[in-house]
Amino acid sequence: MGQAENYVEQYLVDTAEAKGMFVRKLVSPGRNGFPDRLIIHRGRSVYVETKSATGRLSAIQRKTIAQMADHGAEVCCVCSRLEVDALLAAIATRTPQLPYRLDTDIRP
């Protein structure tokens, strides 16, 4: 993970936890492509992939995220602090449509 991606991911964790959200790092041994983080807040579970501003998802990430979305999971990608703020606001206010959804085109 590059420094810029780590910067976005750490901001996501710190900000979500400060808002009282449950945040966990996800690791899937033997399986690549799983999103970086899981956020749970008031019964809503959202899987979040973090990237740098210039980062792109790999083919296996695209495939895994598409499979998760096909099974009804909420999965999104954030690439900046502004996108993190928008995502967390949407989760906190129970906005039905999350910003930066990855149903079809992975990168917003």
C-alpha atoms as a PDB file:
ATOM      1  CA  MET A   1       0.000   0.000   0.000  1.00  0.00           C
ATOM      2  CA  GLY A   2       1.477   3.357  -0.981  1.00  0.00           C
ATOM      3  CA  GLN A   3       1.781   6.218   1.453  1.00  0.00           C
ATOM      4  CA  ALA A   4      -1.070   8.195  -0.108  1.00  0.00           C
ATOM      5  CA  GLU A   5      -3.448   5.222   0.076  1.00  0.00           C
ATOM      6  CA  ASN A   6      -2.474   4.643   3.699  1.00  0.00           C
ATOM      7  CA  TYR A   7      -3.206   8.319   4.386  1.00  0.00           C
ATOM      8  CA  VAL A   8      -6.764   7.932   3.057  1.00  0.00           C
ATOM      9  CA  GLU A   9      -7.305   4.648   4.886  1.00  0.00           C
ATOM     10  CA  GLN A  10      -6.076   5.978   8.236  1.00  0.00           C
ATOM     11  CA  TYR A  11      -8.278   9.053   7.864  1.00  0.00           C
ATOM     12  CA  LEU A  12     -11.248   6.755   7.175  1.00  0.00           C
ATOM     13  CA  VAL A  13     -10.551   4.713  10.311  1.00  0.00           C
ATOM     14  CA  ASP A  14      -9.913   7.683  12.600  1.00  0.00           C
ATOM     15  CA  THR A  15     -12.928   9.660  11.391  1.00  0.00           C
ATOM     16  CA  ALA A  16     -15.354   6.720  11.401  1.00  0.00           C
ATOM     17  CA  GLU A  17     -14.315   5.691  14.911  1.00  0.00           C
ATOM     18  CA  ALA A  18     -14.650   9.299  16.116  1.00  0.00           C
ATOM     19  CA  LYS A  19     -18.255   9.175  14.857  1.00  0.00           C
ATOM     20  CA  GLY A  20     -18.928   6.015  16.864  1.00  0.00           C
ATOM     21  CA  MET A  21     -18.797   3.631  13.913  1.00  0.00           C
ATOM     22  CA  PHE A  22     -17.418   0.092  14.208  1.00  0.00           C
ATOM     23  CA  VAL A  23     -14.430  -0.285  11.852  1.00  0.00           C
ATOM     24  CA  ARG A  24     -12.349  -3.362  11.105  1.00  0.00           C
ATOM     25  CA  LYS A  25      -9.507  -4.180   8.750  1.00  0.00           C
ATOM     26  CA  LEU A  26     -10.442  -7.081   6.498  1.00  0.00           C
ATOM     27  CA  VAL A  27      -8.063  -9.857   5.603  1.00  0.00           C
ATOM     28  CA  SER A  28      -9.076 -12.823   3.507  1.00  0.00           C
ATOM     29  CA  PRO A  29      -6.253 -15.412   3.588  1.00  0.00           C
ATOM     30  CA  GLY A  30      -5.743 -17.084   0.249  1.00  0.00           C
ATOM     31  CA  ARG A  31      -8.098 -14.650  -1.490  1.00  0.00           C
ATOM     32  CA  ASN A  32      -6.962 -11.404  -3.037  1.00  0.00           C
ATOM     33  CA  GLY A  33      -9.245  -8.553  -3.997  1.00  0.00           C
ATOM     34  CA  PHE A  34     -11.294  -8.144  -0.817  1.00  0.00           C
ATOM     35  CA  PRO A  35     -12.031  -4.536   0.280  1.00  0.00           C
ATOM     36  CA  ASP A  36      -9.768  -2.966   2.904  1.00  0.00           C
ATOM     37  CA  ARG A  37     -12.299  -2.092   5.600  1.00  0.00           C
ATOM     38  CA  LEU A  38     -15.709  -2.935   6.994  1.00  0.00           C
ATOM     39  CA  ILE A  39     -17.758  -0.182   8.636  1.00  0.00           C
ATOM     40  CA  ILE A  40     -20.849  -1.060  10.672  1.00  0.00           C
ATOM     41  CA  HIS A  41     -23.147   1.656  11.964  1.00  0.00           C
ATOM     42  CA  ARG A  42     -26.722   1.306  13.235  1.00  0.00           C
ATOM     43  CA  GLY A  43     -27.179  -2.065  11.562  1.00  0.00           C
ATOM     44  CA  ARG A  44     -25.699  -1.044   8.219  1.00  0.00           C
ATOM     45  CA  SER A  45     -22.570  -2.794   6.928  1.00  0.00           C
ATOM     46  CA  VAL A  46     -20.449  -1.133   4.253  1.00  0.00           C
ATOM     47  CA  TYR A  47     -17.285  -2.559   2.717  1.00  0.00           C
ATOM     48  CA  VAL A  48     -14.786   0.110   1.749  1.00  0.00           C
ATOM     49  CA  GLU A  49     -11.807  -0.039  -0.574  1.00  0.00           C
ATOM     50  CA  THR A  50      -9.332   2.807  -0.213  1.00  0.00           C
ATOM     51  CA  LYS A  51      -7.097   4.060  -2.992  1.00  0.00           C
ATOM     52  CA  SER A  52      -4.821   6.994  -3.561  1.00  0.00           C
ATOM     53  CA  ALA A  53      -6.019   9.761  -5.858  1.00  0.00           C
ATOM     54  CA  THR A  54      -4.275   8.035  -8.758  1.00  0.00           C
ATOM     55  CA  GLY A  55      -4.948   4.461  -7.625  1.00  0.00           C
ATOM     56  CA  ARG A  56      -6.935   1.987  -9.681  1.00  0.00           C
ATOM     57  CA  LEU A  57      -8.508  -1.293  -8.747  1.00  0.00           C
ATOM     58  CA  SER A  58      -6.917  -4.473 -10.003  1.00  0.00           C
ATOM     59  CA  ALA A  59      -8.877  -6.951 -12.094  1.00  0.00           C
ATOM     60  CA  ILE A  60      -9.329  -9.276  -9.096  1.00  0.00           C
ATOM     61  CA  GLN A  61     -10.596  -6.385  -6.973  1.00  0.00           C
ATOM     62  CA  ARG A  62     -13.129  -5.487  -9.653  1.00  0.00           C
ATOM     63  CA  LYS A  63     -14.306  -9.092  -9.878  1.00  0.00           C
ATOM     64  CA  THR A  64     -14.548  -9.584  -6.108  1.00  0.00           C
ATOM     65  CA  ILE A  65     -16.385  -6.308  -5.557  1.00  0.00           C
ATOM     66  CA  ALA A  66     -18.803  -7.072  -8.388  1.00  0.00           C
ATOM     67  CA  GLN A  67     -19.533 -10.488  -6.858  1.00  0.00           C
ATOM     68  CA  MET A  68     -20.127  -8.902  -3.460  1.00  0.00           C
ATOM     69  CA  ALA A  69     -22.483  -6.314  -4.963  1.00  0.00           C
ATOM     70  CA  ASP A  70     -24.334  -9.084  -6.834  1.00  0.00           C
ATOM     71  CA  HIS A  71     -25.013 -10.680  -3.452  1.00  0.00           C
ATOM     72  CA  GLY A  72     -26.399  -7.456  -2.030  1.00  0.00           C
ATOM     73  CA  ALA A  73     -23.341  -6.092  -0.230  1.00  0.00           C
ATOM     74  CA  GLU A  74     -22.780  -2.357  -0.097  1.00  0.00           C
ATOM     75  CA  VAL A  75     -19.276  -1.768  -1.428  1.00  0.00           C
ATOM     76  CA  CYS A  76     -17.630   1.520  -2.308  1.00  0.00           C
ATOM     77  CA  CYS A  77     -14.260   3.071  -3.006  1.00  0.00           C
ATOM     78  CA  VAL A  78     -12.847   6.278  -1.558  1.00  0.00           C
ATOM     79  CA  CYS A  79      -9.795   8.051  -2.906  1.00  0.00           C
ATOM     80  CA  SER A  80      -9.567  11.238  -0.821  1.00  0.00           C
ATOM     81  CA  ARG A  81     -10.513  12.758   2.515  1.00  0.00           C
ATOM     82  CA  LEU A  82     -13.435  14.530   0.846  1.00  0.00           C
ATOM     83  CA  GLU A  83     -14.782  11.219  -0.415  1.00  0.00           C
ATOM     84  CA  VAL A  84     -14.337   9.693   3.054  1.00  0.00           C
ATOM     85  CA  ASP A  85     -16.312  12.573   4.567  1.00  0.00           C
ATOM     86  CA  ALA A  86     -19.117  12.147   2.008  1.00  0.00           C
ATOM     87  CA  LEU A  87     -19.257   8.387   2.568  1.00  0.00           C
ATOM     88  CA  LEU A  88     -19.358   8.658   6.359  1.00  0.00           C
ATOM     89  CA  ALA A  89     -22.037  11.354   6.191  1.00  0.00           C
ATOM     90  CA  ALA A  90     -24.130   9.066   3.987  1.00  0.00           C
ATOM     91  CA  ILE A  91     -23.697   6.170   6.415  1.00  0.00           C
ATOM     92  CA  ALA A  92     -24.471   8.336   9.456  1.00  0.00           C
ATOM     93  CA  THR A  93     -27.628   9.799   7.915  1.00  0.00           C
ATOM     94  CA  ARG A  94     -28.738   6.438   6.503  1.00  0.00           C
ATOM     95  CA  THR A  95     -28.720   7.771   2.960  1.00  0.00           C
ATOM     96  CA  PRO A  96     -30.001   4.873   0.823  1.00  0.00           C
ATOM     97  CA  GLN A  97     -27.636   5.497  -2.081  1.00  0.00           C
ATOM     98  CA  LEU A  98     -24.022   5.682  -1.007  1.00  0.00           C
ATOM     99  CA  PRO A  99     -21.677   7.930  -2.928  1.00  0.00           C
ATOM    100  CA  TYR A 100     -18.993   6.102  -4.890  1.00  0.00           C
ATOM    101  CA  ARG A 101     -20.864   2.839  -5.281  1.00  0.00           C
ATOM    102  CA  LEU A 102     -19.089   0.193  -7.259  1.00  0.00           C
ATOM    103  CA  ASP A 103     -21.931  -1.670  -8.871  1.00  0.00           C
ATOM    104  CA  THR A 104     -20.712  -1.206 -12.429  1.00  0.00           C
ATOM    105  CA  ASP A 105     -17.792   1.186 -12.902  1.00  0.00           C
ATOM    106  CA  ILE A 106     -15.434   0.630 -10.033  1.00  0.00           C
ATOM    107  CA  ARG A 107     -13.764   4.038  -9.912  1.00  0.00           C
ATOM    108  CA  PRO A 108     -16.004   7.077  -9.335  1.00  0.00           C
END
